[in-house]
């Protein structure tokens, strides 16, 4: 039999310990924006509709329409060019948490219409 105290304790445990772990796996869009600003903005429009400073570089807010998240993750993991045509990206080495942050930032952008 579940008592009110044990139900509250279980809920509090989940809130304090499980929720942050799940949220951490999804990345931090604020940190992702900082990373995109520092490393990506010289070629890509990282916010807003664009255009990108380099015409052939995709606009970040359009990426979810053209690239599945697993493809973007692979691009960031191995710096493989995904749909970049003739654009040559500089070589980057992203840590897994940076990849999560970049993906969280891209997911947070308003979708292009």
PDB file of N, CA and C in Angstrom:
ATOM      1  N   UNK A   1       0.825  -1.164   0.000  1.00  0.00           N
ATOM      2  CA  UNK A   1       0.000   0.000   0.000  1.00  0.00           C
ATOM      3  C   UNK A   1       0.884   1.248   0.000  1.00  0.00           C
ATOM      4  N   UNK A   2       0.579   2.182  -0.877  1.00  0.00           N
ATOM      5  CA  UNK A   2       1.349   3.404  -1.003  1.00  0.00           C
ATOM      6  C   UNK A   2       0.729   4.475  -0.111  1.00  0.00           C
ATOM      7  N   UNK A   3       1.560   5.015   0.746  1.00  0.00           N
ATOM      8  CA  UNK A   3       1.082   6.083   1.616  1.00  0.00           C
ATOM      9  C   UNK A   3       1.342   7.435   0.954  1.00  0.00           C
ATOM     10  N   UNK A   4       0.702   8.434   1.469  1.00  0.00           N
ATOM     11  CA  UNK A   4       0.881   9.787   0.935  1.00  0.00           C
ATOM     12  C   UNK A   4       2.329  10.221   1.082  1.00  0.00           C
ATOM     13  N   UNK A   5       2.941   9.906   2.232  1.00  0.00           N
ATOM     14  CA  UNK A   5       4.335  10.286   2.466  1.00  0.00           C
ATOM     15  C   UNK A   5       5.269   9.599   1.475  1.00  0.00           C
ATOM     16  N   UNK A   6       5.047   8.318   1.203  1.00  0.00           N
ATOM     17  CA  UNK A   6       5.938   7.618   0.271  1.00  0.00           C
ATOM     18  C   UNK A   6       5.726   8.100  -1.161  1.00  0.00           C
ATOM     19  N   UNK A   7       4.506   8.452  -1.518  1.00  0.00           N
ATOM     20  CA  UNK A   7       4.243   8.990  -2.855  1.00  0.00           C
ATOM     21  C   UNK A   7       4.918  10.344  -3.024  1.00  0.00           C
ATOM     22  N   UNK A   8       4.854  11.186  -1.998  1.00  0.00           N
ATOM     23  CA  UNK A   8       5.514  12.487  -2.042  1.00  0.00           C
ATOM     24  C   UNK A   8       7.029  12.310  -2.114  1.00  0.00           C
ATOM     25  N   UNK A   9       7.548  11.396  -1.320  1.00  0.00           N
ATOM     26  CA  UNK A   9       8.997  11.141  -1.320  1.00  0.00           C
ATOM     27  C   UNK A   9       9.456  10.643  -2.691  1.00  0.00           C
ATOM     28  N   UNK A  10       8.689   9.760  -3.288  1.00  0.00           N
ATOM     29  CA  UNK A  10       9.030   9.242  -4.620  1.00  0.00           C
ATOM     30  C   UNK A  10       8.992  10.364  -5.659  1.00  0.00           C
ATOM     31  N   UNK A  11       7.959  11.193  -5.606  1.00  0.00           N
ATOM     32  CA  UNK A  11       7.846  12.312  -6.537  1.00  0.00           C
ATOM     33  C   UNK A  11       8.987  13.296  -6.374  1.00  0.00           C
ATOM     34  N   UNK A  12       9.353  13.584  -5.131  1.00  0.00           N
ATOM     35  CA  UNK A  12      10.451  14.501  -4.859  1.00  0.00           C
ATOM     36  C   UNK A  12      11.773  13.928  -5.355  1.00  0.00           C
ATOM     37  N   UNK A  13      11.987  12.636  -5.150  1.00  0.00           N
ATOM     38  CA  UNK A  13      13.195  11.982  -5.640  1.00  0.00           C
ATOM     39  C   UNK A  13      13.289  12.106  -7.156  1.00  0.00           C
ATOM     40  N   UNK A  14      12.202  11.809  -7.851  1.00  0.00           N
ATOM     41  CA  UNK A  14      12.191  11.896  -9.314  1.00  0.00           C
ATOM     42  C   UNK A  14      12.457  13.320  -9.781  1.00  0.00           C
ATOM     43  N   UNK A  15      11.843  14.271  -9.130  1.00  0.00           N
ATOM     44  CA  UNK A  15      12.011  15.679  -9.502  1.00  0.00           C
ATOM     45  C   UNK A  15      13.449  16.139  -9.307  1.00  0.00           C
ATOM     46  N   UNK A  16      14.042  15.761  -8.168  1.00  0.00           N
ATOM     47  CA  UNK A  16      15.381  16.254  -7.840  1.00  0.00           C
ATOM     48  C   UNK A  16      16.511  15.507  -8.542  1.00  0.00           C
ATOM     49  N   UNK A  17      16.328  14.216  -8.789  1.00  0.00           N
ATOM     50  CA  UNK A  17      17.449  13.428  -9.286  1.00  0.00           C
ATOM     51  C   UNK A  17      17.281  12.909 -10.709  1.00  0.00           C
ATOM     52  N   UNK A  18      16.101  12.577 -11.105  1.00  0.00           N
ATOM     53  CA  UNK A  18      15.910  12.004 -12.437  1.00  0.00           C
ATOM     54  C   UNK A  18      15.673  13.090 -13.477  1.00  0.00           C
ATOM     55  N   UNK A  19      14.850  14.075 -13.185  1.00  0.00           N
ATOM     56  CA  UNK A  19      14.554  15.134 -14.155  1.00  0.00           C
ATOM     57  C   UNK A  19      15.798  15.873 -14.626  1.00  0.00           C
ATOM     58  N   UNK A  20      16.719  16.296 -13.736  1.00  0.00           N
ATOM     59  CA  UNK A  20      17.920  16.971 -14.228  1.00  0.00           C
ATOM     60  C   UNK A  20      18.787  16.077 -15.106  1.00  0.00           C
ATOM     61  N   UNK A  21      18.832  14.793 -14.818  1.00  0.00           N
ATOM     62  CA  UNK A  21      19.631  13.888 -15.636  1.00  0.00           C
ATOM     63  C   UNK A  21      19.048  13.780 -17.041  1.00  0.00           C
ATOM     64  N   UNK A  22      17.745  13.722 -17.145  1.00  0.00           N
ATOM     65  CA  UNK A  22      17.097  13.666 -18.454  1.00  0.00           C
ATOM     66  C   UNK A  22      17.309  14.981 -19.190  1.00  0.00           C
ATOM     67  N   UNK A  23      17.141  16.092 -18.511  1.00  0.00           N
ATOM     68  CA  UNK A  23      17.327  17.397 -19.138  1.00  0.00           C
ATOM     69  C   UNK A  23      18.767  17.592 -19.584  1.00  0.00           C
ATOM     70  N   UNK A  24      19.727  17.096 -18.803  1.00  0.00           N
ATOM     71  CA  UNK A  24      21.135  17.252 -19.156  1.00  0.00           C
ATOM     72  C   UNK A  24      21.457  16.522 -20.448  1.00  0.00           C
ATOM     73  N   UNK A  25      20.798  15.394 -20.690  1.00  0.00           N
ATOM     74  CA  UNK A  25      21.042  14.636 -21.914  1.00  0.00           C
ATOM     75  C   UNK A  25      20.551  15.382 -23.142  1.00  0.00           C
ATOM     76  N   UNK A  26      19.668  16.347 -22.969  1.00  0.00           N
ATOM     77  CA  UNK A  26      19.105  17.054 -24.105  1.00  0.00           C
ATOM     78  C   UNK A  26      19.914  18.285 -24.472  1.00  0.00           C
ATOM     79  N   UNK A  27      20.895  18.655 -23.712  1.00  0.00           N
ATOM     80  CA  UNK A  27      21.739  19.787 -24.026  1.00  0.00           C
ATOM     81  C   UNK A  27      21.190  21.103 -23.517  1.00  0.00           C
ATOM     82  N   UNK A  28      22.047  22.109 -23.559  1.00  0.00           N
ATOM     83  CA  UNK A  28      21.717  23.439 -23.081  1.00  0.00           C
ATOM     84  C   UNK A  28      21.727  24.400 -24.269  1.00  0.00           C
ATOM     85  N   UNK A  29      20.569  24.918 -24.675  1.00  0.00           N
ATOM     86  CA  UNK A  29      20.530  25.791 -25.844  1.00  0.00           C
ATOM     87  C   UNK A  29      21.321  27.088 -25.670  1.00  0.00           C
ATOM     88  N   UNK A  30      21.457  27.569 -24.449  1.00  0.00           N
ATOM     89  CA  UNK A  30      22.234  28.797 -24.224  1.00  0.00           C
ATOM     90  C   UNK A  30      23.716  28.537 -24.514  1.00  0.00           C
ATOM     91  N   UNK A  31      24.221  27.424 -24.006  1.00  0.00           N
ATOM     92  CA  UNK A  31      25.610  27.068 -24.297  1.00  0.00           C
ATOM     93  C   UNK A  31      25.790  26.754 -25.777  1.00  0.00           C
ATOM     94  N   UNK A  32      24.778  26.144 -26.386  1.00  0.00           N
ATOM     95  CA  UNK A  32      24.836  25.863 -27.822  1.00  0.00           C
ATOM     96  C   UNK A  32      24.900  27.140 -28.640  1.00  0.00           C
ATOM     97  N   UNK A  33      24.143  28.166 -28.222  1.00  0.00           N
ATOM     98  CA  UNK A  33      24.189  29.457 -28.918  1.00  0.00           C
ATOM     99  C   UNK A  33      25.577  30.075 -28.811  1.00  0.00           C
ATOM    100  N   UNK A  34      26.177  30.014 -27.625  1.00  0.00           N
ATOM    101  CA  UNK A  34      27.526  30.554 -27.441  1.00  0.00           C
ATOM    102  C   UNK A  34      28.529  29.843 -28.342  1.00  0.00           C
ATOM    103  N   UNK A  35      28.412  28.534 -28.423  1.00  0.00           N
ATOM    104  CA  UNK A  35      29.306  27.744 -29.266  1.00  0.00           C
ATOM    105  C   UNK A  35      29.090  28.072 -30.747  1.00  0.00           C
ATOM    106  N   UNK A  36      27.827  28.162 -31.150  1.00  0.00           N
ATOM    107  CA  UNK A  36      27.519  28.509 -32.545  1.00  0.00           C
ATOM    108  C   UNK A  36      28.030  29.906 -32.881  1.00  0.00           C
ATOM    109  N   UNK A  37      27.865  30.837 -31.945  1.00  0.00           N
ATOM    110  CA  UNK A  37      28.348  32.211 -32.169  1.00  0.00           C
ATOM    111  C   UNK A  37      29.860  32.206 -32.355  1.00  0.00           C
ATOM    112  N   UNK A  38      30.568  31.456 -31.522  1.00  0.00           N
ATOM    113  CA  UNK A  38      32.025  31.445 -31.564  1.00  0.00           C
ATOM    114  C   UNK A  38      32.583  30.708 -32.784  1.00  0.00           C
ATOM    115  N   UNK A  39      31.939  29.612 -33.180  1.00  0.00           N
ATOM    116  CA  UNK A  39      32.549  28.747 -34.194  1.00  0.00           C
ATOM    117  C   UNK A  39      31.822  28.699 -35.537  1.00  0.00           C
ATOM    118  N   UNK A  40      30.540  29.024 -35.557  1.00  0.00           N
ATOM    119  CA  UNK A  40      29.752  28.781 -36.769  1.00  0.00           C
ATOM    120  C   UNK A  40      29.288  30.051 -37.478  1.00  0.00           C
ATOM    121  N   UNK A  41      29.214  31.151 -36.739  1.00  0.00           N
ATOM    122  CA  UNK A  41      28.548  32.346 -37.264  1.00  0.00           C
ATOM    123  C   UNK A  41      29.307  33.050 -38.381  1.00  0.00           C
ATOM    124  N   UNK A  42      30.579  32.765 -38.542  1.00  0.00           N
ATOM    125  CA  UNK A  42      31.281  33.457 -39.631  1.00  0.00           C
ATOM    126  C   UNK A  42      30.845  32.923 -40.997  1.00  0.00           C
ATOM    127  N   UNK A  43      30.257  31.707 -41.034  1.00  0.00           N
ATOM    128  CA  UNK A  43      29.765  31.146 -42.300  1.00  0.00           C
ATOM    129  C   UNK A  43      28.249  30.982 -42.326  1.00  0.00           C
ATOM    130  N   UNK A  44      27.654  30.616 -41.178  1.00  0.00           N
ATOM    131  CA  UNK A  44      26.228  30.299 -41.096  1.00  0.00           C
ATOM    132  C   UNK A  44      25.437  31.422 -40.440  1.00  0.00           C
ATOM    133  N   UNK A  45      24.221  31.636 -40.906  1.00  0.00           N
ATOM    134  CA  UNK A  45      23.262  32.449 -40.156  1.00  0.00           C
ATOM    135  C   UNK A  45      22.788  31.554 -39.021  1.00  0.00           C
ATOM    136  N   UNK A  46      23.197  31.872 -37.792  1.00  0.00           N
ATOM    137  CA  UNK A  46      22.884  30.983 -36.670  1.00  0.00           C
ATOM    138  C   UNK A  46      21.573  31.337 -35.996  1.00  0.00           C
ATOM    139  N   UNK A  47      21.027  32.508 -36.305  1.00  0.00           N
ATOM    140  CA  UNK A  47      19.708  32.891 -35.799  1.00  0.00           C
ATOM    141  C   UNK A  47      19.044  33.746 -36.862  1.00  0.00           C
ATOM    142  N   UNK A  48      17.759  33.771 -36.856  1.00  0.00           N
ATOM    143  CA  UNK A  48      17.054  34.549 -37.861  1.00  0.00           C
ATOM    144  C   UNK A  48      16.990  33.847 -39.208  1.00  0.00           C
ATOM    145  N   UNK A  49      16.383  34.498 -40.159  1.00  0.00           N
ATOM    146  CA  UNK A  49      16.108  33.858 -41.440  1.00  0.00           C
ATOM    147  C   UNK A  49      17.297  33.776 -42.387  1.00  0.00           C
ATOM    148  N   UNK A  50      18.340  34.525 -42.141  1.00  0.00           N
ATOM    149  CA  UNK A  50      19.466  34.515 -43.064  1.00  0.00           C
ATOM    150  C   UNK A  50      19.449  35.757 -43.920  1.00  0.00           C
ATOM    151  N   UNK A  51      20.239  35.810 -44.926  1.00  0.00           N
ATOM    152  CA  UNK A  51      21.079  34.743 -45.459  1.00  0.00           C
ATOM    153  C   UNK A  51      22.329  34.532 -44.613  1.00  0.00           C
ATOM    154  N   UNK A  52      23.001  33.410 -44.884  1.00  0.00           N
ATOM    155  CA  UNK A  52      24.263  33.127 -44.206  1.00  0.00           C
ATOM    156  C   UNK A  52      25.354  34.010 -44.792  1.00  0.00           C
ATOM    157  N   UNK A  53      26.378  34.338 -44.002  1.00  0.00           N
ATOM    158  CA  UNK A  53      27.503  35.110 -44.535  1.00  0.00           C
ATOM    159  C   UNK A  53      28.171  34.433 -45.737  1.00  0.00           C
ATOM    160  N   UNK A  54      28.226  33.104 -45.725  1.00  0.00           N
ATOM    161  CA  UNK A  54      28.682  32.336 -46.891  1.00  0.00           C
ATOM    162  C   UNK A  54      27.416  31.788 -47.532  1.00  0.00           C
ATOM    163  N   UNK A  55      27.138  32.226 -48.734  1.00  0.00           N
ATOM    164  CA  UNK A  55      25.854  31.931 -49.378  1.00  0.00           C
ATOM    165  C   UNK A  55      25.503  30.443 -49.398  1.00  0.00           C
ATOM    166  N   UNK A  56      26.480  29.582 -49.570  1.00  0.00           N
ATOM    167  CA  UNK A  56      26.197  28.151 -49.671  1.00  0.00           C
ATOM    168  C   UNK A  56      26.065  27.464 -48.306  1.00  0.00           C
ATOM    169  N   UNK A  57      26.363  28.173 -47.219  1.00  0.00           N
ATOM    170  CA  UNK A  57      26.269  27.579 -45.876  1.00  0.00           C
ATOM    171  C   UNK A  57      24.818  27.613 -45.410  1.00  0.00           C
ATOM    172  N   UNK A  58      24.286  26.485 -44.963  1.00  0.00           N
ATOM    173  CA  UNK A  58      22.881  26.435 -44.557  1.00  0.00           C
ATOM    174  C   UNK A  58      22.576  27.353 -43.368  1.00  0.00           C
ATOM    175  N   UNK A  59      21.399  27.915 -43.383  1.00  0.00           N
ATOM    176  CA  UNK A  59      20.886  28.712 -42.269  1.00  0.00           C
ATOM    177  C   UNK A  59      20.501  27.737 -41.151  1.00  0.00           C
ATOM    178  N   UNK A  60      20.941  28.000 -39.930  1.00  0.00           N
ATOM    179  CA  UNK A  60      20.695  27.068 -38.826  1.00  0.00           C
ATOM    180  C   UNK A  60      19.217  26.758 -38.625  1.00  0.00           C
ATOM    181  N   UNK A  61      18.353  27.741 -38.703  1.00  0.00           N
ATOM    182  CA  UNK A  61      16.944  27.470 -38.401  1.00  0.00           C
ATOM    183  C   UNK A  61      16.292  26.586 -39.456  1.00  0.00           C
ATOM    184  N   UNK A  62      16.927  26.424 -40.624  1.00  0.00           N
ATOM    185  CA  UNK A  62      16.412  25.533 -41.660  1.00  0.00           C
ATOM    186  C   UNK A  62      16.940  24.104 -41.525  1.00  0.00           C
ATOM    187  N   UNK A  63      17.960  23.901 -40.701  1.00  0.00           N
ATOM    188  CA  UNK A  63      18.589  22.580 -40.598  1.00  0.00           C
ATOM    189  C   UNK A  63      17.623  21.469 -40.214  1.00  0.00           C
ATOM    190  N   UNK A  64      16.712  21.661 -39.243  1.00  0.00           N
ATOM    191  CA  UNK A  64      15.808  20.555 -38.902  1.00  0.00           C
ATOM    192  C   UNK A  64      14.920  20.110 -40.069  1.00  0.00           C
ATOM    193  N   UNK A  65      14.665  21.003 -41.031  1.00  0.00           N
ATOM    194  CA  UNK A  65      13.851  20.620 -42.190  1.00  0.00           C
ATOM    195  C   UNK A  65      14.650  19.773 -43.183  1.00  0.00           C
ATOM    196  N   UNK A  66      15.960  19.977 -43.228  1.00  0.00           N
ATOM    197  CA  UNK A  66      16.768  19.301 -44.243  1.00  0.00           C
ATOM    198  C   UNK A  66      17.649  18.190 -43.693  1.00  0.00           C
ATOM    199  N   UNK A  67      17.912  18.207 -42.394  1.00  0.00           N
ATOM    200  CA  UNK A  67      18.808  17.222 -41.785  1.00  0.00           C
ATOM    201  C   UNK A  67      18.151  16.585 -40.567  1.00  0.00           C
ATOM    202  N   UNK A  68      17.988  15.266 -40.558  1.00  0.00           N
ATOM    203  CA  UNK A  68      17.501  14.615 -39.339  1.00  0.00           C
ATOM    204  C   UNK A  68      18.507  14.827 -38.200  1.00  0.00           C
ATOM    205  N   UNK A  69      18.031  14.855 -36.951  1.00  0.00           N
ATOM    206  CA  UNK A  69      18.936  15.086 -35.817  1.00  0.00           C
ATOM    207  C   UNK A  69      20.129  14.138 -35.784  1.00  0.00           C
ATOM    208  N   UNK A  70      19.924  12.871 -36.158  1.00  0.00           N
ATOM    209  CA  UNK A  70      21.053  11.931 -36.128  1.00  0.00           C
ATOM    210  C   UNK A  70      22.105  12.294 -37.172  1.00  0.00           C
ATOM    211  N   UNK A  71      21.683  12.879 -38.305  1.00  0.00           N
ATOM    212  CA  UNK A  71      22.656  13.333 -39.301  1.00  0.00           C
ATOM    213  C   UNK A  71      23.440  14.532 -38.781  1.00  0.00           C
ATOM    214  N   UNK A  72      22.737  15.462 -38.131  1.00  0.00           N
ATOM    215  CA  UNK A  72      23.435  16.616 -37.556  1.00  0.00           C
ATOM    216  C   UNK A  72      24.410  16.166 -36.484  1.00  0.00           C
ATOM    217  N   UNK A  73      24.003  15.218 -35.671  1.00  0.00           N
ATOM    218  CA  UNK A  73      24.889  14.696 -34.641  1.00  0.00           C
ATOM    219  C   UNK A  73      26.130  14.082 -35.272  1.00  0.00           C
ATOM    220  N   UNK A  74      25.957  13.342 -36.349  1.00  0.00           N
ATOM    221  CA  UNK A  74      27.095  12.736 -37.043  1.00  0.00           C
ATOM    222  C   UNK A  74      28.005  13.801 -37.633  1.00  0.00           C
ATOM    223  N   UNK A  75      27.414  14.871 -38.144  1.00  0.00           N
ATOM    224  CA  UNK A  75      28.222  15.976 -38.676  1.00  0.00           C
ATOM    225  C   UNK A  75      29.084  16.552 -37.560  1.00  0.00           C
ATOM    226  N   UNK A  76      28.475  16.795 -36.393  1.00  0.00           N
ATOM    227  CA  UNK A  76      29.214  17.390 -35.290  1.00  0.00           C
ATOM    228  C   UNK A  76      30.217  16.410 -34.685  1.00  0.00           C
ATOM    229  N   UNK A  77      29.883  15.120 -34.656  1.00  0.00           N
ATOM    230  CA  UNK A  77      30.789  14.120 -34.082  1.00  0.00           C
ATOM    231  C   UNK A  77      32.028  13.936 -34.936  1.00  0.00           C
ATOM    232  N   UNK A  78      31.814  13.741 -36.231  1.00  0.00           N
ATOM    233  CA  UNK A  78      32.940  13.444 -37.094  1.00  0.00           C
ATOM    234  C   UNK A  78      33.244  14.540 -38.087  1.00  0.00           C
ATOM    235  N   UNK A  79      32.566  15.666 -37.939  1.00  0.00           N
ATOM    236  CA  UNK A  79      32.720  16.789 -38.848  1.00  0.00           C
ATOM    237  C   UNK A  79      32.531  16.349 -40.301  1.00  0.00           C
ATOM    238  N   UNK A  80      31.579  15.453 -40.512  1.00  0.00           N
ATOM    239  CA  UNK A  80      31.232  15.060 -41.880  1.00  0.00           C
ATOM    240  C   UNK A  80      30.322  16.125 -42.453  1.00  0.00           C
ATOM    241  N   UNK A  81      30.516  16.426 -43.692  1.00  0.00           N
ATOM    242  CA  UNK A  81      29.681  17.427 -44.339  1.00  0.00           C
ATOM    243  C   UNK A  81      28.372  16.788 -44.755  1.00  0.00           C
ATOM    244  N   UNK A  82      27.289  17.326 -44.281  1.00  0.00           N
ATOM    245  CA  UNK A  82      25.967  16.802 -44.606  1.00  0.00           C
ATOM    246  C   UNK A  82      25.235  17.841 -45.428  1.00  0.00           C
ATOM    247  N   UNK A  83      25.194  17.643 -46.721  1.00  0.00           N
ATOM    248  CA  UNK A  83      24.480  18.566 -47.579  1.00  0.00           C
ATOM    249  C   UNK A  83      25.150  19.914 -47.711  1.00  0.00           C
ATOM    250  N   UNK A  84      26.452  19.979 -47.551  1.00  0.00           N
ATOM    251  CA  UNK A  84      27.162  21.242 -47.655  1.00  0.00           C
ATOM    252  C   UNK A  84      27.661  21.511 -49.080  1.00  0.00           C
ATOM    253  N   UNK A  85      27.381  20.638 -50.001  1.00  0.00           N
ATOM    254  CA  UNK A  85      27.795  20.776 -51.399  1.00  0.00           C
ATOM    255  C   UNK A  85      29.256  21.173 -51.479  1.00  0.00           C
ATOM    256  N   UNK A  86      29.534  22.333 -52.025  1.00  0.00           N
ATOM    257  CA  UNK A  86      30.926  22.721 -52.266  1.00  0.00           C
ATOM    258  C   UNK A  86      31.557  23.472 -51.103  1.00  0.00           C
ATOM    259  N   UNK A  87      30.824  23.671 -50.021  1.00  0.00           N
ATOM    260  CA  UNK A  87      31.360  24.405 -48.885  1.00  0.00           C
ATOM    261  C   UNK A  87      32.263  23.486 -48.072  1.00  0.00           C
ATOM    262  N   UNK A  88      33.470  23.932 -47.816  1.00  0.00           N
ATOM    263  CA  UNK A  88      34.395  23.141 -47.000  1.00  0.00           C
ATOM    264  C   UNK A  88      34.406  23.706 -45.588  1.00  0.00           C
ATOM    265  N   UNK A  89      33.947  22.899 -44.638  1.00  0.00           N
ATOM    266  CA  UNK A  89      33.912  23.346 -43.244  1.00  0.00           C
ATOM    267  C   UNK A  89      35.285  23.191 -42.615  1.00  0.00           C
ATOM    268  N   UNK A  90      35.639  24.102 -41.709  1.00  0.00           N
ATOM    269  CA  UNK A  90      36.862  23.899 -40.925  1.00  0.00           C
ATOM    270  C   UNK A  90      36.705  22.661 -40.056  1.00  0.00           C
ATOM    271  N   UNK A  91      37.802  22.069 -39.650  1.00  0.00           N
ATOM    272  CA  UNK A  91      37.764  20.888 -38.789  1.00  0.00           C
ATOM    273  C   UNK A  91      37.533  21.310 -37.343  1.00  0.00           C
ATOM    274  N   UNK A  92      36.526  20.722 -36.720  1.00  0.00           N
ATOM    275  CA  UNK A  92      36.216  20.952 -35.324  1.00  0.00           C
ATOM    276  C   UNK A  92      36.228  19.628 -34.598  1.00  0.00           C
ATOM    277  N   UNK A  93      36.473  19.674 -33.310  1.00  0.00           N
ATOM    278  CA  UNK A  93      36.389  18.482 -32.479  1.00  0.00           C
ATOM    279  C   UNK A  93      35.447  18.811 -31.328  1.00  0.00           C
ATOM    280  N   UNK A  94      34.188  18.360 -31.446  1.00  0.00           N
ATOM    281  CA  UNK A  94      33.175  18.647 -30.442  1.00  0.00           C
ATOM    282  C   UNK A  94      33.073  17.517 -29.434  1.00  0.00           C
ATOM    283  N   UNK A  95      32.990  17.875 -28.168  1.00  0.00           N
ATOM    284  CA  UNK A  95      32.729  16.905 -27.103  1.00  0.00           C
ATOM    285  C   UNK A  95      31.246  16.539 -27.152  1.00  0.00           C
ATOM    286  N   UNK A  96      30.876  15.368 -26.631  1.00  0.00           N
ATOM    287  CA  UNK A  96      29.463  14.959 -26.659  1.00  0.00           C
ATOM    288  C   UNK A  96      28.512  15.993 -26.052  1.00  0.00           C
ATOM    289  N   UNK A  97      28.903  16.651 -24.955  1.00  0.00           N
ATOM    290  CA  UNK A  97      28.009  17.645 -24.366  1.00  0.00           C
ATOM    291  C   UNK A  97      27.886  18.882 -25.257  1.00  0.00           C
ATOM    292  N   UNK A  98      28.935  19.212 -26.003  1.00  0.00           N
ATOM    293  CA  UNK A  98      28.848  20.330 -26.945  1.00  0.00           C
ATOM    294  C   UNK A  98      27.895  20.000 -28.095  1.00  0.00           C
ATOM    295  N   UNK A  99      27.930  18.750 -28.543  1.00  0.00           N
ATOM    296  CA  UNK A  99      27.009  18.309 -29.592  1.00  0.00           C
ATOM    297  C   UNK A  99      25.573  18.434 -29.098  1.00  0.00           C
ATOM    298  N   UNK A 100      25.327  17.965 -27.875  1.00  0.00           N
ATOM    299  CA  UNK A 100      23.982  18.086 -27.281  1.00  0.00           C
ATOM    300  C   UNK A 100      23.559  19.551 -27.195  1.00  0.00           C
ATOM    301  N   UNK A 101      24.496  20.416 -26.806  1.00  0.00           N
ATOM    302  CA  UNK A 101      24.182  21.839 -26.687  1.00  0.00           C
ATOM    303  C   UNK A 101      23.866  22.453 -28.055  1.00  0.00           C
ATOM    304  N   UNK A 102      24.656  22.135 -29.067  1.00  0.00           N
ATOM    305  CA  UNK A 102      24.394  22.658 -30.417  1.00  0.00           C
ATOM    306  C   UNK A 102      23.040  22.188 -30.939  1.00  0.00           C
ATOM    307  N   UNK A 103      22.749  20.910 -30.754  1.00  0.00           N
ATOM    308  CA  UNK A 103      21.460  20.379 -31.206  1.00  0.00           C
ATOM    309  C   UNK A 103      20.301  21.024 -30.438  1.00  0.00           C
ATOM    310  N   UNK A 104      20.494  21.248 -29.126  1.00  0.00           N
ATOM    311  CA  UNK A 104      19.449  21.904 -28.327  1.00  0.00           C
ATOM    312  C   UNK A 104      19.228  23.328 -28.829  1.00  0.00           C
ATOM    313  N   UNK A 105      20.309  24.022 -29.176  1.00  0.00           N
ATOM    314  CA  UNK A 105      20.167  25.384 -29.695  1.00  0.00           C
ATOM    315  C   UNK A 105      19.426  25.379 -31.029  1.00  0.00           C
ATOM    316  N   UNK A 106      19.811  24.484 -31.916  1.00  0.00           N
ATOM    317  CA  UNK A 106      19.155  24.418 -33.234  1.00  0.00           C
ATOM    318  C   UNK A 106      17.672  24.085 -33.076  1.00  0.00           C
ATOM    319  N   UNK A 107      17.343  23.150 -32.161  1.00  0.00           N
ATOM    320  CA  UNK A 107      15.940  22.803 -31.914  1.00  0.00           C
ATOM    321  C   UNK A 107      15.168  23.974 -31.333  1.00  0.00           C
ATOM    322  N   UNK A 108      15.854  24.893 -30.634  1.00  0.00           N
ATOM    323  CA  UNK A 108      15.170  26.007 -29.991  1.00  0.00           C
ATOM    324  C   UNK A 108      14.843  27.150 -30.955  1.00  0.00           C
ATOM    325  N   UNK A 109      15.423  27.135 -32.136  1.00  0.00           N
ATOM    326  CA  UNK A 109      15.216  28.226 -33.088  1.00  0.00           C
ATOM    327  C   UNK A 109      13.807  28.169 -33.682  1.00  0.00           C
ATOM    328  N   UNK A 110      13.234  29.331 -33.970  1.00  0.00           N
ATOM    329  CA  UNK A 110      11.921  29.329 -34.650  1.00  0.00           C
ATOM    330  C   UNK A 110      12.072  28.716 -36.045  1.00  0.00           C
ATOM    331  N   UNK A 111      11.105  27.939 -36.423  1.00  0.00           N
ATOM    332  CA  UNK A 111      11.137  27.265 -37.725  1.00  0.00           C
ATOM    333  C   UNK A 111      10.870  28.234 -38.839  1.00  0.00           C
ATOM    334  N   UNK A 112      11.586  28.027 -39.944  1.00  0.00           N
ATOM    335  CA  UNK A 112      11.352  28.831 -41.148  1.00  0.00           C
ATOM    336  C   UNK A 112      10.018  28.438 -41.748  1.00  0.00           C
ATOM    337  N   UNK A 113       9.349  29.384 -42.326  1.00  0.00           N
ATOM    338  CA  UNK A 113       8.039  29.101 -42.916  1.00  0.00           C
ATOM    339  C   UNK A 113       8.142  28.902 -44.393  1.00  0.00           C
TER     340      UNK A 113
END
